[in-house]
Amino acid sequence: MNKSIEMTNRKPYADSRAAKYIDRRVLELSARKTQNHIAMEAGFKTPNVLSMLKTGTSKVPLDRVPALAKALECDPRHLCMLALEQLGGSMTISAIDEIFGTIVTENEVVWLEELRDASDGADPRLTQRARAALRAIFGK
């Protein structure tokens, strides 16, 4: 068997946004928490489970999302959406969007509250000028 195909089979979720996100969060927290500490906080019996999630060897177990999000100090809704995407792909996310609407993260809620406050609750339309200003904030 081709070695690259063999490696892909052992890490079926390596290219998933969930694996990449977890890897990045572990790195960002490394100054304050070890990977072992994060794994223990998330309730994993062995620290290698976190390594398997980071490398894409295993998918994120949905029942562990709340504890893992807390350990990774991230929004549980965002992590859940990444885990669901990893589980069922873009069709799963489309179905969730159709059923529940857009899932809003804790950070996005703060943005929405600020928008409402700044506009005095006027329900402003997104104009081209406002869109350009918003995109400029993020360097786009």
Protein backbone atom coordinates (compact mmCIF):
# COMPACT_ATOMS: atom_id res chain seq x y z
CA MET A 1 0.00 0.00 0.00
CA ASN A 2 1.19 3.52 -0.76
CA LYS A 3 2.67 5.06 2.40
CA SER A 4 0.76 8.37 2.01
CA ILE A 5 -2.53 6.48 1.63
CA GLU A 6 -1.65 4.38 4.66
CA MET A 7 -0.98 7.52 6.72
CA THR A 8 -4.28 9.06 5.59
CA ASN A 9 -6.16 5.95 6.67
CA ARG A 10 -4.64 6.15 10.15
CA LYS A 11 -5.55 9.84 10.45
CA PRO A 12 -8.91 10.13 8.73
CA TYR A 13 -9.74 13.47 10.37
CA ALA A 14 -6.33 15.13 9.95
CA ASP A 15 -7.66 17.73 7.52
CA SER A 16 -10.76 18.51 9.56
CA ARG A 17 -11.29 21.98 10.94
CA ALA A 18 -11.89 20.40 14.37
CA ALA A 19 -8.46 18.76 14.49
CA LYS A 20 -6.75 21.94 13.33
CA TYR A 21 -8.69 24.06 15.83
CA ILE A 22 -7.87 21.78 18.77
CA ASP A 23 -4.21 21.70 17.77
CA ARG A 24 -4.14 25.52 17.63
CA ARG A 25 -5.93 25.93 20.99
CA VAL A 26 -3.54 23.50 22.72
CA LEU A 27 -0.61 25.49 21.32
CA GLU A 28 -2.17 28.81 22.38
CA LEU A 29 -2.69 27.52 25.93
CA SER A 30 0.75 25.90 26.21
CA ALA A 31 2.18 28.78 28.25
CA ARG A 32 -0.39 28.11 30.98
CA LYS A 33 -1.47 24.48 30.60
CA THR A 34 0.19 21.28 29.53
CA GLN A 35 -1.50 18.97 27.10
CA ASN A 36 -1.83 16.44 29.95
CA HIS A 37 -3.59 19.06 32.08
CA ILE A 38 -6.02 19.89 29.27
CA ALA A 39 -6.76 16.19 28.72
CA MET A 40 -7.41 15.66 32.44
CA GLU A 41 -9.66 18.75 32.58
CA ALA A 42 -11.62 17.41 29.63
CA GLY A 43 -12.11 14.12 31.46
CA PHE A 44 -10.03 11.92 29.19
CA LYS A 45 -8.57 8.91 31.01
CA THR A 46 -5.34 9.10 29.06
CA PRO A 47 -3.64 12.20 27.67
CA ASN A 48 -3.01 10.52 24.32
CA VAL A 49 -6.71 10.99 23.48
CA LEU A 50 -6.05 14.72 23.09
CA SER A 51 -3.10 13.94 20.81
CA MET A 52 -5.37 11.72 18.72
CA LEU A 53 -7.90 14.56 18.39
CA LYS A 54 -5.18 17.06 17.42
CA THR A 55 -3.67 14.83 14.76
CA GLY A 56 -7.00 13.69 13.39
CA THR A 57 -6.57 10.06 14.33
CA SER A 58 -9.89 10.23 16.21
CA LYS A 59 -12.94 12.41 15.87
CA VAL A 60 -14.21 14.62 18.67
CA PRO A 61 -16.74 12.69 20.77
CA LEU A 62 -19.90 14.80 20.97
CA ASP A 63 -20.51 13.89 24.60
CA ARG A 64 -17.11 15.38 25.51
CA VAL A 65 -17.60 18.71 23.75
CA PRO A 66 -18.70 20.70 26.85
CA ALA A 67 -15.80 19.51 29.02
CA LEU A 68 -13.29 19.77 26.17
CA ALA A 69 -14.44 23.30 25.34
CA LYS A 70 -14.03 24.30 28.97
CA ALA A 71 -10.54 22.77 29.10
CA LEU A 72 -9.59 24.46 25.82
CA GLU A 73 -11.15 27.74 27.02
CA CYS A 74 -13.22 28.05 23.87
CA ASP A 75 -16.85 28.46 22.94
CA PRO A 76 -18.68 25.14 23.28
CA ARG A 77 -21.07 25.99 20.42
CA HIS A 78 -18.16 26.59 18.06
CA LEU A 79 -16.42 23.38 19.09
CA CYS A 80 -19.70 21.45 18.77
CA MET A 81 -20.23 22.73 15.23
CA LEU A 82 -16.68 21.69 14.31
CA ALA A 83 -17.27 18.25 15.86
CA LEU A 84 -20.56 17.85 13.98
CA GLU A 85 -18.86 18.90 10.74
CA GLN A 86 -16.17 16.30 11.43
CA LEU A 87 -18.82 13.69 12.12
CA GLY A 88 -21.07 14.25 9.14
CA GLY A 89 -19.48 16.77 6.83
CA SER A 90 -21.01 19.81 5.23
CA MET A 91 -24.39 18.09 4.70
CA THR A 92 -24.76 17.72 8.48
CA ILE A 93 -23.98 21.38 9.01
CA SER A 94 -26.47 22.35 6.28
CA ALA A 95 -29.17 20.27 7.97
CA ILE A 96 -28.43 21.85 11.36
CA ASP A 97 -28.54 25.33 9.82
CA GLU A 98 -31.85 24.51 8.15
CA ILE A 99 -33.38 23.17 11.37
CA PHE A 100 -31.94 25.55 13.98
CA GLY A 101 -30.74 28.53 11.97
CA THR A 102 -27.26 29.94 12.37
CA ILE A 103 -25.64 28.89 15.62
CA VAL A 104 -24.22 32.00 17.28
CA THR A 105 -21.11 31.73 19.45
CA GLU A 106 -20.63 33.58 22.74
CA ASN A 107 -18.25 36.01 21.02
CA GLU A 108 -20.74 36.67 18.24
CA VAL A 109 -23.44 37.40 20.82
CA VAL A 110 -21.21 40.13 22.26
CA TRP A 111 -20.77 41.62 18.76
CA LEU A 112 -24.54 41.57 18.20
CA GLU A 113 -25.21 43.23 21.55
CA GLU A 114 -22.68 45.94 20.74
CA LEU A 115 -24.26 46.47 17.32
CA ARG A 116 -27.69 46.84 18.93
CA ASP A 117 -26.34 49.25 21.53
CA ALA A 118 -24.39 51.31 18.97
CA SER A 119 -27.47 51.60 16.73
CA ASP A 120 -29.87 52.27 19.63
CA GLY A 121 -31.72 49.13 18.60
CA ALA A 122 -32.50 50.52 15.15
CA ASP A 123 -31.99 47.19 13.31
CA PRO A 124 -29.57 48.75 10.79
CA ARG A 125 -29.18 47.36 7.31
CA LEU A 126 -25.73 46.19 6.27
CA THR A 127 -24.72 48.82 3.71
CA GLN A 128 -21.73 48.54 1.42
CA ARG A 129 -19.95 51.13 3.56
CA ALA A 130 -20.67 49.24 6.78
CA ARG A 131 -19.62 45.95 5.16
CA ALA A 132 -16.33 47.51 4.01
CA ALA A 133 -15.68 48.93 7.49
CA LEU A 134 -16.36 45.57 9.12
CA ARG A 135 -14.17 43.69 6.67
CA ALA A 136 -11.39 46.25 7.22
CA ILE A 137 -11.39 45.37 10.92
CA PHE A 138 -10.38 41.85 9.93
CA GLY A 139 -7.96 42.92 7.21
CA LYS A 140 -10.09 41.79 4.28
